[in-house]
Amino acid sequence: MDRSEEKRALRGQLIEQRLNMPDRLHRAELLQRVMRIWLVGRPDTVIGAYWPIKGEFDPLPALHRWKEDGELLEEPQMRRIGLPVMDKEHRTLKFHAWFPGCPMEEDAFGIPKPKDTEVITPTLLFVPCVGYGVGGYRLGYGGGFYDRTLAQLQPRPFTVGLGFAAGFLPDLEPEPHDVALDAILNELGVVWPISLGDDD
């Protein structure tokens, strides 16, 4: 079995495990809380995220709350959320403004995307992880869309992986084209970067 076949098999195992996780909803609630706390104090006003598929954690409730919280600040902020729309020609992603109730349509993979909303440029990007390992590396679905997108986005957004603790892969080895994430969160807290405490 070559490297790509190994990854494909591992990807399938992790997705099946995630779909069958008996306490997935409880873990998702915990990760919502971790995400909301992590966002406190971030300067970003435009955040990119994703529409959850295959048992992925759904970041949109926490982001909608973040958007509403911006309106309650002493100096109210216009905060915006973007969801990915695939550029078929370049096999990269653009982010279109999303809000609850906005018109949606399915992309080529059957994933809902905003319909005819404005293209926005996120300074912070939440990325789904099928699996993830040390150094901020993630295992995705194998399409390479995020890696290609991050390689060309200027300025590059701060990238944060979201996944469940069960998706941690201690032996995950990055390939040359893999782009490391700046941070990874799971339902237990911040997984990456590793905090060594105040004394170290």
N, C-alpha and C. Protein backbone atom coordinates (compact mmCIF):
# COMPACT_ATOMS: atom_id res chain seq x y z
N MET A 1 0.85 -1.20 0.00
CA MET A 1 0.00 0.00 0.00
C MET A 1 0.89 1.25 0.00
N ASP A 2 0.72 2.13 -1.02
CA ASP A 2 1.56 3.33 -1.05
C ASP A 2 1.00 4.41 -0.13
N ARG A 3 1.72 5.53 -0.06
CA ARG A 3 1.39 6.60 0.90
C ARG A 3 -0.04 7.13 0.67
N SER A 4 -0.40 7.37 -0.58
CA SER A 4 -1.71 7.94 -0.86
C SER A 4 -2.83 6.96 -0.50
N GLU A 5 -2.59 5.66 -0.73
CA GLU A 5 -3.60 4.66 -0.36
C GLU A 5 -3.74 4.55 1.16
N GLU A 6 -2.60 4.65 1.85
CA GLU A 6 -2.63 4.63 3.32
C GLU A 6 -3.45 5.79 3.85
N LYS A 7 -3.20 6.98 3.26
CA LYS A 7 -3.93 8.17 3.71
C LYS A 7 -5.42 8.03 3.42
N ARG A 8 -5.75 7.48 2.26
CA ARG A 8 -7.15 7.30 1.89
C ARG A 8 -7.84 6.37 2.90
N ALA A 9 -7.16 5.27 3.26
CA ALA A 9 -7.73 4.32 4.21
C ALA A 9 -7.89 4.97 5.59
N LEU A 10 -6.87 5.72 6.01
CA LEU A 10 -6.91 6.40 7.31
C LEU A 10 -8.05 7.42 7.34
N ARG A 11 -8.18 8.16 6.26
CA ARG A 11 -9.24 9.17 6.13
C ARG A 11 -10.61 8.50 6.31
N GLY A 12 -10.80 7.37 5.62
CA GLY A 12 -12.07 6.64 5.71
C GLY A 12 -12.36 6.18 7.13
N GLN A 13 -11.34 5.67 7.81
CA GLN A 13 -11.50 5.19 9.20
C GLN A 13 -11.90 6.34 10.13
N LEU A 14 -11.21 7.48 9.96
CA LEU A 14 -11.47 8.62 10.85
C LEU A 14 -12.87 9.19 10.63
N ILE A 15 -13.31 9.26 9.38
CA ILE A 15 -14.65 9.79 9.09
C ILE A 15 -15.72 8.86 9.67
N GLU A 16 -15.52 7.55 9.49
CA GLU A 16 -16.48 6.58 10.03
C GLU A 16 -16.53 6.66 11.55
N GLN A 17 -15.36 6.78 12.15
CA GLN A 17 -15.27 6.89 13.61
C GLN A 17 -16.00 8.14 14.10
N ARG A 18 -15.82 9.24 13.37
CA ARG A 18 -16.46 10.51 13.75
C ARG A 18 -17.98 10.42 13.62
N LEU A 19 -18.44 9.82 12.53
CA LEU A 19 -19.89 9.69 12.31
C LEU A 19 -20.55 8.81 13.38
N ASN A 20 -19.79 7.85 13.90
CA ASN A 20 -20.34 6.90 14.87
C ASN A 20 -20.00 7.25 16.32
N MET A 21 -19.41 8.42 16.55
CA MET A 21 -19.04 8.83 17.90
C MET A 21 -20.31 9.02 18.74
N PRO A 22 -20.51 8.21 19.79
CA PRO A 22 -21.78 8.27 20.52
C PRO A 22 -22.02 9.60 21.23
N ASP A 23 -20.96 10.29 21.62
CA ASP A 23 -21.12 11.55 22.35
C ASP A 23 -20.70 12.75 21.50
N ARG A 24 -20.87 12.63 20.19
CA ARG A 24 -20.41 13.70 19.29
C ARG A 24 -21.08 15.05 19.60
N LEU A 25 -22.38 15.03 19.91
CA LEU A 25 -23.08 16.29 20.18
C LEU A 25 -22.54 16.96 21.44
N HIS A 26 -22.25 16.15 22.46
CA HIS A 26 -21.68 16.71 23.69
C HIS A 26 -20.30 17.30 23.42
N ARG A 27 -19.49 16.54 22.66
CA ARG A 27 -18.15 17.04 22.33
C ARG A 27 -18.23 18.31 21.48
N ALA A 28 -19.23 18.38 20.60
CA ALA A 28 -19.41 19.57 19.78
C ALA A 28 -19.76 20.78 20.65
N GLU A 29 -20.57 20.58 21.68
CA GLU A 29 -20.91 21.67 22.60
C GLU A 29 -19.66 22.19 23.31
N LEU A 30 -18.81 21.24 23.72
CA LEU A 30 -17.56 21.64 24.40
C LEU A 30 -16.67 22.44 23.45
N LEU A 31 -16.59 22.00 22.19
CA LEU A 31 -15.74 22.70 21.22
C LEU A 31 -16.32 24.07 20.88
N GLN A 32 -17.66 24.20 20.86
CA GLN A 32 -18.27 25.52 20.67
C GLN A 32 -17.75 26.48 21.75
N ARG A 33 -17.71 25.99 22.98
CA ARG A 33 -17.27 26.82 24.11
C ARG A 33 -15.78 27.17 23.97
N VAL A 34 -14.97 26.18 23.63
CA VAL A 34 -13.53 26.43 23.44
C VAL A 34 -13.32 27.50 22.36
N MET A 35 -14.06 27.37 21.26
CA MET A 35 -13.93 28.29 20.14
C MET A 35 -14.33 29.71 20.53
N ARG A 36 -15.46 29.83 21.26
CA ARG A 36 -15.93 31.16 21.67
C ARG A 36 -14.92 31.84 22.58
N ILE A 37 -14.38 31.07 23.53
CA ILE A 37 -13.38 31.64 24.45
C ILE A 37 -12.12 32.04 23.69
N TRP A 38 -11.70 31.17 22.75
CA TRP A 38 -10.49 31.45 21.98
C TRP A 38 -10.63 32.74 21.16
N LEU A 39 -11.84 33.01 20.69
CA LEU A 39 -12.08 34.19 19.85
C LEU A 39 -12.06 35.51 20.63
N VAL A 40 -12.26 35.43 21.95
CA VAL A 40 -12.29 36.66 22.75
C VAL A 40 -10.95 37.38 22.63
N GLY A 41 -11.00 38.63 22.27
CA GLY A 41 -9.76 39.42 22.16
C GLY A 41 -9.10 39.36 20.79
N ARG A 42 -9.58 38.48 19.90
CA ARG A 42 -9.03 38.47 18.54
C ARG A 42 -9.46 39.75 17.82
N PRO A 43 -8.56 40.35 17.04
CA PRO A 43 -8.90 41.62 16.37
C PRO A 43 -9.69 41.44 15.08
N ASP A 44 -9.86 40.21 14.62
CA ASP A 44 -10.45 39.97 13.30
C ASP A 44 -11.90 40.45 13.22
N THR A 45 -12.27 40.96 12.05
CA THR A 45 -13.67 41.30 11.78
C THR A 45 -14.22 40.51 10.60
N VAL A 46 -13.36 39.79 9.87
CA VAL A 46 -13.80 38.93 8.77
C VAL A 46 -13.19 37.54 8.98
N ILE A 47 -14.06 36.55 9.19
CA ILE A 47 -13.60 35.19 9.46
C ILE A 47 -14.18 34.23 8.42
N GLY A 48 -13.32 33.40 7.87
CA GLY A 48 -13.75 32.34 6.95
C GLY A 48 -13.95 31.05 7.72
N ALA A 49 -14.94 30.27 7.31
CA ALA A 49 -15.20 28.99 7.98
C ALA A 49 -15.62 27.96 6.93
N TYR A 50 -16.51 27.04 7.28
CA TYR A 50 -16.91 25.98 6.35
C TYR A 50 -18.28 25.47 6.75
N TRP A 51 -18.96 24.86 5.78
CA TRP A 51 -20.24 24.21 6.05
C TRP A 51 -19.93 22.76 6.43
N PRO A 52 -20.38 22.30 7.61
CA PRO A 52 -19.96 20.96 8.08
C PRO A 52 -20.56 19.82 7.26
N ILE A 53 -19.72 18.83 6.96
CA ILE A 53 -20.16 17.62 6.27
C ILE A 53 -19.56 16.41 6.99
N LYS A 54 -20.13 15.25 6.78
CA LYS A 54 -19.57 13.97 7.25
C LYS A 54 -19.23 13.99 8.75
N GLY A 55 -20.13 14.55 9.54
CA GLY A 55 -19.93 14.54 10.99
C GLY A 55 -18.94 15.57 11.50
N GLU A 56 -18.52 16.51 10.66
CA GLU A 56 -17.59 17.55 11.10
C GLU A 56 -18.22 18.42 12.19
N PHE A 57 -17.36 19.00 12.98
CA PHE A 57 -17.80 20.01 13.94
C PHE A 57 -18.36 21.21 13.18
N ASP A 58 -19.48 21.76 13.65
CA ASP A 58 -20.13 22.91 13.01
C ASP A 58 -19.66 24.20 13.70
N PRO A 59 -18.86 25.03 13.01
CA PRO A 59 -18.36 26.26 13.64
C PRO A 59 -19.34 27.43 13.57
N LEU A 60 -20.43 27.27 12.81
CA LEU A 60 -21.28 28.43 12.50
C LEU A 60 -22.06 28.98 13.70
N PRO A 61 -22.58 28.16 14.63
CA PRO A 61 -23.24 28.76 15.80
C PRO A 61 -22.31 29.67 16.61
N ALA A 62 -21.07 29.22 16.85
CA ALA A 62 -20.12 30.04 17.62
C ALA A 62 -19.79 31.32 16.85
N LEU A 63 -19.68 31.22 15.52
CA LEU A 63 -19.35 32.41 14.73
C LEU A 63 -20.52 33.38 14.65
N HIS A 64 -21.74 32.85 14.60
CA HIS A 64 -22.91 33.74 14.61
C HIS A 64 -22.96 34.51 15.93
N ARG A 65 -22.65 33.82 17.02
CA ARG A 65 -22.60 34.46 18.35
C ARG A 65 -21.50 35.53 18.35
N TRP A 66 -20.34 35.20 17.79
CA TRP A 66 -19.22 36.16 17.69
C TRP A 66 -19.66 37.40 16.91
N LYS A 67 -20.39 37.19 15.81
CA LYS A 67 -20.87 38.30 14.99
C LYS A 67 -21.82 39.19 15.80
N GLU A 68 -22.74 38.56 16.51
CA GLU A 68 -23.69 39.33 17.33
C GLU A 68 -22.98 40.07 18.46
N ASP A 69 -21.97 39.43 19.07
CA ASP A 69 -21.22 40.06 20.15
C ASP A 69 -20.54 41.34 19.67
N GLY A 70 -20.12 41.36 18.41
CA GLY A 70 -19.48 42.55 17.84
C GLY A 70 -20.39 43.76 17.85
N GLU A 71 -21.69 43.51 17.70
CA GLU A 71 -22.65 44.61 17.67
C GLU A 71 -22.90 45.17 19.07
N LEU A 72 -22.51 44.42 20.12
CA LEU A 72 -22.76 44.84 21.50
C LEU A 72 -21.56 45.53 22.13
N LEU A 73 -20.45 45.62 21.39
CA LEU A 73 -19.26 46.27 21.94
C LEU A 73 -19.51 47.76 22.14
N GLU A 74 -18.68 48.36 23.02
CA GLU A 74 -18.79 49.80 23.27
C GLU A 74 -18.67 50.58 21.96
N GLU A 75 -17.71 50.13 21.13
CA GLU A 75 -17.63 50.66 19.76
C GLU A 75 -18.02 49.49 18.85
N PRO A 76 -19.29 49.43 18.43
CA PRO A 76 -19.78 48.27 17.66
C PRO A 76 -18.94 47.96 16.43
N GLN A 77 -18.73 46.68 16.18
CA GLN A 77 -17.96 46.22 15.02
C GLN A 77 -18.88 45.54 14.02
N MET A 78 -18.64 45.81 12.75
CA MET A 78 -19.33 45.08 11.68
C MET A 78 -18.50 43.83 11.41
N ARG A 79 -18.94 42.70 11.94
CA ARG A 79 -18.21 41.45 11.78
C ARG A 79 -18.86 40.62 10.67
N ARG A 80 -18.02 39.92 9.90
CA ARG A 80 -18.55 39.17 8.76
C ARG A 80 -18.00 37.75 8.75
N ILE A 81 -18.81 36.82 8.24
CA ILE A 81 -18.45 35.40 8.15
C ILE A 81 -18.49 35.01 6.69
N GLY A 82 -17.47 34.27 6.24
CA GLY A 82 -17.43 33.80 4.86
C GLY A 82 -17.40 32.28 4.79
N LEU A 83 -18.05 31.73 3.78
CA LEU A 83 -18.00 30.28 3.52
C LEU A 83 -17.34 30.05 2.17
N PRO A 84 -16.64 28.91 2.02
CA PRO A 84 -15.87 28.67 0.80
C PRO A 84 -16.73 28.35 -0.42
N VAL A 85 -16.30 28.91 -1.55
CA VAL A 85 -16.89 28.58 -2.85
C VAL A 85 -15.72 28.17 -3.74
N MET A 86 -15.84 27.00 -4.36
CA MET A 86 -14.72 26.45 -5.12
C MET A 86 -14.56 27.15 -6.47
N ASP A 87 -13.31 27.50 -6.78
CA ASP A 87 -12.96 27.99 -8.11
C ASP A 87 -12.51 26.76 -8.91
N LYS A 88 -13.37 26.28 -9.81
CA LYS A 88 -13.10 25.01 -10.50
C LYS A 88 -11.84 25.09 -11.37
N GLU A 89 -11.60 26.27 -11.95
CA GLU A 89 -10.46 26.40 -12.87
C GLU A 89 -9.14 26.28 -12.13
N HIS A 90 -9.03 26.98 -10.99
CA HIS A 90 -7.75 26.99 -10.25
C HIS A 90 -7.73 26.00 -9.09
N ARG A 91 -8.88 25.35 -8.83
CA ARG A 91 -9.00 24.40 -7.71
C ARG A 91 -8.57 25.03 -6.40
N THR A 92 -9.05 26.28 -6.21
CA THR A 92 -8.81 27.00 -4.96
C THR A 92 -10.18 27.42 -4.41
N LEU A 93 -10.18 28.11 -3.28
CA LEU A 93 -11.41 28.54 -2.64
C LEU A 93 -11.47 30.06 -2.55
N LYS A 94 -12.67 30.59 -2.78
CA LYS A 94 -12.94 31.99 -2.48
C LYS A 94 -13.98 31.98 -1.38
N PHE A 95 -14.04 33.05 -0.60
CA PHE A 95 -14.97 33.09 0.52
C PHE A 95 -16.06 34.12 0.26
N HIS A 96 -17.30 33.64 0.30
CA HIS A 96 -18.45 34.50 0.06
C HIS A 96 -19.18 34.75 1.39
N ALA A 97 -19.67 35.96 1.56
CA ALA A 97 -20.35 36.34 2.80
C ALA A 97 -21.51 35.40 3.09
N TRP A 98 -21.61 34.97 4.35
CA TRP A 98 -22.69 34.11 4.81
C TRP A 98 -23.34 34.72 6.04
N PHE A 99 -24.64 34.57 6.14
CA PHE A 99 -25.37 34.94 7.36
C PHE A 99 -26.58 34.01 7.43
N PRO A 100 -27.10 33.75 8.64
CA PRO A 100 -28.24 32.84 8.76
C PRO A 100 -29.40 33.30 7.86
N GLY A 101 -29.91 32.38 7.06
CA GLY A 101 -31.03 32.71 6.18
C GLY A 101 -30.62 33.23 4.82
N CYS A 102 -29.30 33.38 4.56
CA CYS A 102 -28.89 33.89 3.26
C CYS A 102 -29.15 32.81 2.19
N PRO A 103 -29.39 33.21 0.94
CA PRO A 103 -29.68 32.22 -0.10
C PRO A 103 -28.48 31.29 -0.30
N MET A 104 -28.77 29.99 -0.42
CA MET A 104 -27.71 28.99 -0.57
C MET A 104 -27.98 28.14 -1.81
N GLU A 105 -26.92 27.54 -2.35
CA GLU A 105 -27.03 26.57 -3.44
C GLU A 105 -25.94 25.52 -3.23
N GLU A 106 -26.06 24.39 -3.90
CA GLU A 106 -25.06 23.33 -3.72
C GLU A 106 -23.92 23.50 -4.71
N ASP A 107 -22.70 23.20 -4.26
CA ASP A 107 -21.56 23.24 -5.18
C ASP A 107 -21.44 21.89 -5.89
N ALA A 108 -20.35 21.71 -6.63
CA ALA A 108 -20.17 20.49 -7.43
C ALA A 108 -20.12 19.23 -6.57
N PHE A 109 -19.79 19.40 -5.27
CA PHE A 109 -19.73 18.24 -4.37
C PHE A 109 -21.00 18.08 -3.55
N GLY A 110 -22.00 18.91 -3.83
CA GLY A 110 -23.26 18.82 -3.09
C GLY A 110 -23.21 19.52 -1.75
N ILE A 111 -22.20 20.38 -1.52
CA ILE A 111 -22.06 21.10 -0.26
C ILE A 111 -22.70 22.48 -0.41
N PRO A 112 -23.56 22.89 0.53
CA PRO A 112 -24.19 24.20 0.42
C PRO A 112 -23.16 25.34 0.44
N LYS A 113 -23.41 26.34 -0.39
CA LYS A 113 -22.54 27.53 -0.45
C LYS A 113 -23.44 28.76 -0.62
N PRO A 114 -22.97 29.93 -0.18
CA PRO A 114 -23.77 31.14 -0.37
C PRO A 114 -23.98 31.42 -1.85
N LYS A 115 -25.18 31.89 -2.20
CA LYS A 115 -25.54 32.15 -3.59
C LYS A 115 -25.49 33.65 -3.85
N ASP A 116 -24.57 34.04 -4.73
CA ASP A 116 -24.48 35.42 -5.21
C ASP A 116 -24.24 36.45 -4.10
N THR A 117 -23.53 36.05 -3.05
CA THR A 117 -23.16 37.04 -2.04
C THR A 117 -21.75 37.55 -2.33
N GLU A 118 -21.39 38.61 -1.65
CA GLU A 118 -20.13 39.31 -1.90
C GLU A 118 -18.91 38.44 -1.53
N VAL A 119 -17.85 38.54 -2.33
CA VAL A 119 -16.59 37.88 -1.99
C VAL A 119 -15.90 38.71 -0.91
N ILE A 120 -15.47 38.05 0.17
CA ILE A 120 -14.78 38.75 1.25
C ILE A 120 -13.45 38.06 1.52
N THR A 121 -12.53 38.78 2.13
CA THR A 121 -11.18 38.24 2.39
C THR A 121 -10.98 38.07 3.89
N PRO A 122 -10.99 36.83 4.39
CA PRO A 122 -10.83 36.62 5.83
C PRO A 122 -9.41 36.86 6.31
N THR A 123 -9.31 37.40 7.53
CA THR A 123 -7.99 37.51 8.18
C THR A 123 -7.77 36.33 9.11
N LEU A 124 -8.84 35.58 9.37
CA LEU A 124 -8.79 34.38 10.20
C LEU A 124 -9.61 33.32 9.49
N LEU A 125 -9.06 32.11 9.42
CA LEU A 125 -9.72 31.05 8.67
C LEU A 125 -9.80 29.79 9.53
N PHE A 126 -11.04 29.33 9.79
CA PHE A 126 -11.24 28.06 10.48
C PHE A 126 -11.32 26.94 9.44
N VAL A 127 -10.51 25.90 9.66
CA VAL A 127 -10.37 24.82 8.68
C VAL A 127 -10.78 23.50 9.32
N PRO A 128 -11.58 22.69 8.63
CA PRO A 128 -11.97 21.40 9.21
C PRO A 128 -10.83 20.39 9.12
N CYS A 129 -10.70 19.57 10.16
CA CYS A 129 -9.65 18.53 10.17
C CYS A 129 -10.32 17.16 10.23
N VAL A 130 -10.00 16.30 9.27
CA VAL A 130 -10.36 14.89 9.40
C VAL A 130 -9.49 14.30 10.50
N GLY A 131 -8.20 14.65 10.44
CA GLY A 131 -7.24 14.30 11.47
C GLY A 131 -6.20 15.41 11.57
N TYR A 132 -5.38 15.37 12.59
CA TYR A 132 -4.33 16.39 12.75
C TYR A 132 -3.21 15.82 13.60
N GLY A 133 -2.02 16.40 13.43
CA GLY A 133 -0.86 15.90 14.16
C GLY A 133 -0.02 17.03 14.72
N VAL A 134 1.15 16.67 15.23
CA VAL A 134 2.04 17.67 15.82
C VAL A 134 2.53 18.63 14.74
N GLY A 135 2.89 19.82 15.17
CA GLY A 135 3.41 20.81 14.23
C GLY A 135 2.34 21.58 13.50
N GLY A 136 1.06 21.32 13.83
CA GLY A 136 -0.02 22.06 13.18
C GLY A 136 -0.44 21.49 11.84
N TYR A 137 -0.07 20.26 11.56
CA TYR A 137 -0.44 19.66 10.26
C TYR A 137 -1.78 18.93 10.36
N ARG A 138 -2.53 18.99 9.27
CA ARG A 138 -3.87 18.38 9.24
C ARG A 138 -3.96 17.34 8.13
N LEU A 139 -4.86 16.41 8.35
CA LEU A 139 -5.26 15.48 7.30
C LEU A 139 -6.63 15.93 6.84
N GLY A 140 -6.73 16.32 5.56
CA GLY A 140 -8.00 16.76 5.00
C GLY A 140 -8.62 15.67 4.16
N TYR A 141 -9.39 16.07 3.16
CA TYR A 141 -10.08 15.10 2.31
C TYR A 141 -9.27 14.70 1.09
N GLY A 142 -8.09 15.30 0.93
CA GLY A 142 -7.21 14.87 -0.16
C GLY A 142 -7.31 15.71 -1.42
N GLY A 143 -8.18 16.72 -1.43
CA GLY A 143 -8.33 17.54 -2.63
C GLY A 143 -7.28 18.64 -2.76
N GLY A 144 -6.66 19.00 -1.63
CA GLY A 144 -5.63 20.03 -1.65
C GLY A 144 -6.14 21.45 -1.79
N PHE A 145 -7.47 21.65 -1.67
CA PHE A 145 -8.04 22.98 -1.89
C PHE A 145 -7.50 24.01 -0.89
N TYR A 146 -7.44 23.62 0.39
CA TYR A 146 -6.98 24.58 1.39
C TYR A 146 -5.50 24.91 1.21
N ASP A 147 -4.69 23.88 0.93
CA ASP A 147 -3.25 24.13 0.75
C ASP A 147 -3.01 25.07 -0.42
N ARG A 148 -3.70 24.86 -1.54
CA ARG A 148 -3.53 25.74 -2.70
C ARG A 148 -4.04 27.15 -2.40
N THR A 149 -5.15 27.23 -1.69
CA THR A 149 -5.72 28.53 -1.35
C THR A 149 -4.78 29.31 -0.44
N LEU A 150 -4.26 28.65 0.59
CA LEU A 150 -3.37 29.32 1.54
C LEU A 150 -2.06 29.74 0.89
N ALA A 151 -1.63 28.95 -0.10
CA ALA A 151 -0.37 29.28 -0.78
C ALA A 151 -0.49 30.58 -1.58
N GLN A 152 -1.71 30.96 -1.97
CA GLN A 152 -1.84 32.14 -2.81
C GLN A 152 -2.53 33.33 -2.13
N LEU A 153 -3.19 33.12 -0.98
CA LEU A 153 -3.88 34.23 -0.33
C LEU A 153 -2.89 35.24 0.24
N GLN A 154 -3.06 36.49 -0.11
CA GLN A 154 -2.19 37.56 0.39
C GLN A 154 -3.06 38.69 0.93
N PRO A 155 -2.86 39.15 2.16
CA PRO A 155 -1.98 38.51 3.15
C PRO A 155 -2.59 37.18 3.60
N ARG A 156 -1.72 36.28 4.00
CA ARG A 156 -2.18 34.96 4.42
C ARG A 156 -2.96 35.08 5.72
N PRO A 157 -4.16 34.51 5.79
CA PRO A 157 -4.93 34.59 7.04
C PRO A 157 -4.33 33.70 8.12
N PHE A 158 -4.64 34.03 9.36
CA PHE A 158 -4.29 33.17 10.49
C PHE A 158 -5.19 31.94 10.39
N THR A 159 -4.62 30.75 10.42
CA THR A 159 -5.39 29.53 10.17
C THR A 159 -5.54 28.69 11.44
N VAL A 160 -6.77 28.23 11.67
CA VAL A 160 -7.08 27.47 12.88
C VAL A 160 -7.82 26.19 12.49
N GLY A 161 -7.25 25.05 12.81
CA GLY A 161 -7.91 23.78 12.55
C GLY A 161 -8.91 23.46 13.65
N LEU A 162 -10.03 22.85 13.28
CA LEU A 162 -11.05 22.43 14.23
C LEU A 162 -11.30 20.93 14.06
N GLY A 163 -11.25 20.19 15.14
CA GLY A 163 -11.48 18.76 15.08
C GLY A 163 -11.72 18.21 16.47
N PHE A 164 -12.08 16.95 16.53
CA PHE A 164 -12.30 16.31 17.82
C PHE A 164 -11.02 15.63 18.28
N ALA A 165 -10.93 15.39 19.60
CA ALA A 165 -9.72 14.79 20.18
C ALA A 165 -9.41 13.44 19.54
N ALA A 166 -10.44 12.71 19.13
CA ALA A 166 -10.24 11.38 18.53
C ALA A 166 -9.50 11.46 17.20
N GLY A 167 -9.43 12.65 16.60
CA GLY A 167 -8.76 12.80 15.31
C GLY A 167 -7.26 13.05 15.42
N PHE A 168 -6.72 13.05 16.65
CA PHE A 168 -5.28 13.31 16.80
C PHE A 168 -4.47 12.12 16.29
N LEU A 169 -3.49 12.42 15.43
CA LEU A 169 -2.65 11.38 14.82
C LEU A 169 -1.19 11.65 15.20
N PRO A 170 -0.67 10.98 16.23
CA PRO A 170 0.69 11.28 16.69
C PRO A 170 1.76 11.02 15.65
N ASP A 171 1.48 10.14 14.68
CA ASP A 171 2.50 9.78 13.69
C ASP A 171 2.26 10.42 12.32
N LEU A 172 1.39 11.43 12.26
CA LEU A 172 1.10 12.07 10.97
C LEU A 172 2.35 12.77 10.44
N GLU A 173 2.77 12.38 9.25
CA GLU A 173 3.95 12.99 8.62
C GLU A 173 3.50 13.91 7.49
N PRO A 174 3.89 15.19 7.55
CA PRO A 174 3.48 16.11 6.48
C PRO A 174 4.21 15.82 5.18
N GLU A 175 3.54 16.12 4.08
CA GLU A 175 4.17 16.04 2.77
C GLU A 175 4.64 17.43 2.36
N PRO A 176 5.52 17.53 1.34
CA PRO A 176 6.10 18.83 0.99
C PRO A 176 5.09 19.93 0.71
N HIS A 177 3.91 19.57 0.17
CA HIS A 177 2.93 20.60 -0.19
C HIS A 177 2.03 20.99 0.99
N ASP A 178 2.11 20.26 2.11
CA ASP A 178 1.24 20.55 3.25
C ASP A 178 1.61 21.87 3.90
N VAL A 179 0.60 22.69 4.21
CA VAL A 179 0.82 23.98 4.87
C VAL A 179 0.38 23.83 6.32
N ALA A 180 1.29 24.11 7.25
CA ALA A 180 0.96 23.97 8.68
C ALA A 180 -0.05 25.03 9.11
N LEU A 181 -0.96 24.64 9.99
CA LEU A 181 -1.92 25.58 10.58
C LEU A 181 -1.26 26.35 11.70
N ASP A 182 -1.77 27.55 11.96
CA ASP A 182 -1.22 28.37 13.04
C ASP A 182 -1.69 27.90 14.41
N ALA A 183 -2.86 27.29 14.46
CA ALA A 183 -3.41 26.80 15.72
C ALA A 183 -4.39 25.66 15.41
N ILE A 184 -4.61 24.80 16.40
CA ILE A 184 -5.62 23.75 16.30
C ILE A 184 -6.38 23.70 17.62
N LEU A 185 -7.71 23.65 17.52
CA LEU A 185 -8.57 23.54 18.71
C LEU A 185 -9.34 22.23 18.64
N ASN A 186 -9.49 21.59 19.80
CA ASN A 186 -10.45 20.49 19.90
C ASN A 186 -11.30 20.71 21.15
N GLU A 187 -12.15 19.76 21.47
CA GLU A 187 -13.09 19.99 22.57
C GLU A 187 -12.42 20.07 23.94
N LEU A 188 -11.13 19.72 24.01
CA LEU A 188 -10.40 19.79 25.28
C LEU A 188 -9.65 21.10 25.43
N GLY A 189 -9.53 21.87 24.35
CA GLY A 189 -8.82 23.14 24.43
C GLY A 189 -7.92 23.38 23.22
N VAL A 190 -6.85 24.13 23.44
CA VAL A 190 -5.91 24.44 22.36
C VAL A 190 -4.90 23.30 22.27
N VAL A 191 -4.84 22.67 21.10
CA VAL A 191 -3.93 21.55 20.90
C VAL A 191 -2.60 22.05 20.34
N TRP A 192 -2.68 23.07 19.51
CA TRP A 192 -1.49 23.65 18.89
C TRP A 192 -1.70 25.15 18.76
N PRO A 193 -0.72 25.98 19.08
CA PRO A 193 0.62 25.61 19.56
C PRO A 193 0.57 25.06 20.98
N ILE A 194 1.55 24.23 21.28
CA ILE A 194 1.61 23.60 22.60
C ILE A 194 2.06 24.64 23.62
N SER A 195 1.26 24.78 24.67
CA SER A 195 1.62 25.73 25.74
C SER A 195 2.46 24.99 26.78
N LEU A 196 3.63 25.55 27.07
CA LEU A 196 4.52 24.91 28.04
C LEU A 196 4.44 25.58 29.41
N GLY A 197 3.49 26.50 29.56
CA GLY A 197 3.33 27.17 30.85
C GLY A 197 4.19 28.42 30.94
N ASP A 198 3.99 29.17 32.00
CA ASP A 198 4.67 30.48 32.14
C ASP A 198 6.14 30.36 32.51
N ASP A 199 6.53 29.21 33.07
CA ASP A 199 7.91 29.09 33.55
C ASP A 199 8.88 28.67 32.48
N ASP A 200 8.39 28.21 31.30
CA ASP A 200 9.29 27.68 30.29
C ASP A 200 9.63 28.72 29.25
